[in-house]
Amino acid sequence: MVLRIGLGWIFFYSGLTKVLDPDWTASGYLTNAVPDGNPFAALWPVLANVPLVDVLVQWGMVLTGVGLIVGALVRWNAFWASFMMLTFWASSLPLENGLLVDSHVIYIIALTGVASLGVGRVAGFDGVIESTSLVKRHPRLRYLLG
């Protein structure tokens, strides 16, 4: 539970600082900070010109952070947080300090643990959501909880 809340705070705060900064955009990073030799070098300038990328990064981080903090839809949020970390990791290749593992990979490992252990049911809303009639009628929704 503590790991879930800690990871949630990291995502929430990082996203919130981006949302509150009217000048923030991912395009500066995507066009100027991706390391030379990045195997996906052709992709990042294309994404830099898509305004939706900024919204997805900003609000994706805020909303996954909130979901993790309050323990709601933990598996769903951990999946999308891991996806964001995977894209951030891919944009930082080749790694300056390591072969394949950096902090992004560690976040993915931690998020996978959070999603696997059902920690949204511990001091979180997933237990409450799971007991609703909607989830009882559609038990596959439980795969988003945890």
Protein backbone atom coordinates (compact mmCIF):
# COMPACT_ATOMS: atom_id res chain seq x y z
CA MET A 1 0.00 0.00 0.00
CA VAL A 2 2.82 2.41 0.86
CA LEU A 3 4.53 1.67 -2.45
CA ARG A 4 1.25 2.25 -4.31
CA ILE A 5 0.76 5.63 -2.64
CA GLY A 6 4.40 6.63 -3.14
CA LEU A 7 4.33 5.77 -6.83
CA GLY A 8 1.01 7.54 -7.17
CA TRP A 9 2.43 10.68 -5.61
CA ILE A 10 5.39 10.68 -8.00
CA PHE A 11 3.07 10.48 -11.01
CA PHE A 12 0.53 12.94 -9.62
CA TYR A 13 3.07 15.60 -8.66
CA SER A 14 5.03 15.28 -11.90
CA GLY A 15 1.85 15.57 -13.94
CA LEU A 16 0.49 18.43 -11.87
CA THR A 17 3.63 20.52 -12.36
CA LYS A 18 3.24 20.00 -16.11
CA VAL A 19 -0.47 20.89 -16.09
CA LEU A 20 0.14 24.06 -14.06
CA ASP A 21 3.01 25.25 -16.27
CA PRO A 22 1.40 26.96 -19.28
CA ASP A 23 4.70 26.78 -21.18
CA TRP A 24 5.29 23.04 -20.65
CA THR A 25 5.41 20.87 -23.72
CA ALA A 26 6.96 17.50 -24.48
CA SER A 27 8.14 18.74 -27.86
CA GLY A 28 11.28 20.36 -26.45
CA TYR A 29 12.44 17.06 -25.01
CA LEU A 30 11.33 15.01 -27.98
CA THR A 31 13.17 17.19 -30.50
CA ASN A 32 16.29 18.15 -28.51
CA ALA A 33 17.01 15.81 -25.61
CA VAL A 34 16.67 12.32 -27.07
CA PRO A 35 20.18 10.84 -27.09
CA ASP A 36 22.11 10.32 -30.30
CA GLY A 37 21.85 6.73 -31.45
CA ASN A 38 18.32 6.26 -30.14
CA PRO A 39 16.85 3.28 -32.00
CA PHE A 40 13.49 5.08 -32.30
CA ALA A 41 14.96 8.42 -33.38
CA ALA A 42 12.53 8.87 -36.28
CA LEU A 43 9.47 8.51 -33.99
CA TRP A 44 10.14 11.28 -31.45
CA PRO A 45 10.09 14.30 -33.82
CA VAL A 46 6.78 13.04 -35.23
CA LEU A 47 5.28 12.81 -31.72
CA ALA A 48 6.69 16.24 -30.87
CA ASN A 49 4.31 17.75 -33.42
CA VAL A 50 1.19 16.05 -32.02
CA PRO A 51 -0.51 18.34 -29.46
CA LEU A 52 -2.39 15.36 -27.99
CA VAL A 53 0.93 14.00 -26.69
CA ASP A 54 1.20 16.90 -24.22
CA VAL A 55 -2.32 16.30 -22.93
CA LEU A 56 -1.77 12.57 -22.62
CA VAL A 57 1.47 13.00 -20.69
CA GLN A 58 0.17 15.75 -18.39
CA TRP A 59 -3.24 14.32 -17.58
CA GLY A 60 -2.13 10.71 -17.86
CA MET A 61 0.36 11.30 -15.09
CA VAL A 62 -2.13 13.24 -12.94
CA LEU A 63 -4.94 10.71 -13.32
CA THR A 64 -2.84 7.57 -12.91
CA GLY A 65 -1.28 9.21 -9.86
CA VAL A 66 -4.66 9.96 -8.31
CA GLY A 67 -5.88 6.44 -9.05
CA LEU A 68 -2.84 4.91 -7.39
CA ILE A 69 -2.99 7.22 -4.38
CA VAL A 70 -6.65 6.49 -3.64
CA GLY A 71 -6.40 2.84 -4.69
CA ALA A 72 -8.98 2.99 -7.48
CA LEU A 73 -8.61 0.94 -10.68
CA VAL A 74 -5.08 0.11 -9.56
CA ARG A 75 -4.34 -2.47 -12.26
CA TRP A 76 -5.65 -0.14 -14.98
CA ASN A 77 -3.60 2.78 -13.65
CA ALA A 78 -0.48 0.68 -13.08
CA PHE A 79 -0.71 -0.57 -16.67
CA TRP A 80 -0.88 2.96 -18.12
CA ALA A 81 1.79 4.27 -15.76
CA SER A 82 4.03 1.39 -16.89
CA PHE A 83 3.26 2.22 -20.52
CA MET A 84 4.33 5.81 -19.93
CA MET A 85 7.53 4.62 -18.24
CA LEU A 86 8.21 2.30 -21.17
CA THR A 87 7.91 5.18 -23.64
CA PHE A 88 10.08 7.43 -21.44
CA TRP A 89 12.66 4.62 -21.23
CA ALA A 90 12.59 4.11 -25.01
CA SER A 91 13.16 7.83 -25.55
CA SER A 92 16.21 7.77 -23.29
CA LEU A 93 18.02 4.97 -25.16
CA PRO A 94 20.91 4.39 -25.33
CA LEU A 95 21.22 4.73 -21.58
CA GLU A 96 23.97 6.91 -20.24
CA ASN A 97 24.42 4.95 -17.00
CA GLY A 98 23.51 1.35 -17.61
CA LEU A 99 22.99 -1.23 -20.27
CA LEU A 100 19.20 -1.69 -20.27
CA VAL A 101 18.00 -0.97 -16.74
CA ASP A 102 17.43 2.53 -15.45
CA SER A 103 14.90 4.17 -13.13
CA HIS A 104 12.12 3.78 -15.72
CA VAL A 105 12.53 0.00 -15.67
CA ILE A 106 12.54 -0.02 -11.86
CA TYR A 107 9.27 1.94 -11.89
CA ILE A 108 7.79 -0.64 -14.28
CA ILE A 109 8.87 -3.47 -11.98
CA ALA A 110 7.39 -1.72 -8.93
CA LEU A 111 4.14 -0.94 -10.77
CA THR A 112 3.87 -4.57 -11.87
CA GLY A 113 4.18 -5.62 -8.24
CA VAL A 114 1.54 -3.12 -7.16
CA ALA A 115 -0.82 -4.37 -9.89
CA SER A 116 -0.17 -8.03 -9.05
CA LEU A 117 -0.67 -7.86 -5.31
CA GLY A 118 -4.13 -6.32 -5.20
CA VAL A 119 -3.01 -3.41 -3.03
CA GLY A 120 -5.94 -1.28 -4.20
CA ARG A 121 -8.06 -3.33 -1.82
CA VAL A 122 -5.86 -2.34 1.12
CA ALA A 123 -6.86 1.15 2.29
CA GLY A 124 -8.09 1.87 -1.21
CA PHE A 125 -11.30 2.11 -3.17
CA ASP A 126 -10.87 -1.05 -5.25
CA GLY A 127 -12.47 -3.16 -2.51
CA VAL A 128 -15.47 -0.85 -2.46
CA ILE A 129 -15.71 -0.75 -6.25
CA GLU A 130 -15.45 -4.54 -6.39
CA SER A 131 -18.52 -4.91 -4.17
CA THR A 132 -20.75 -2.78 -6.42
CA SER A 133 -23.58 -4.34 -8.37
CA LEU A 134 -21.94 -3.28 -11.65
CA VAL A 135 -18.82 -5.34 -10.95
CA LYS A 136 -20.92 -8.23 -9.65
CA ARG A 137 -22.91 -8.22 -12.90
CA HIS A 138 -19.71 -7.89 -14.98
CA PRO A 139 -17.02 -9.79 -13.06
CA ARG A 140 -14.42 -9.20 -15.77
CA LEU A 141 -14.23 -5.61 -14.54
CA ARG A 142 -12.32 -6.99 -11.55
CA TYR A 143 -9.29 -7.28 -13.84
CA LEU A 144 -9.04 -3.48 -13.78
CA LEU A 145 -9.13 -3.44 -9.98
CA GLY A 146 -6.51 -4.54 -7.58
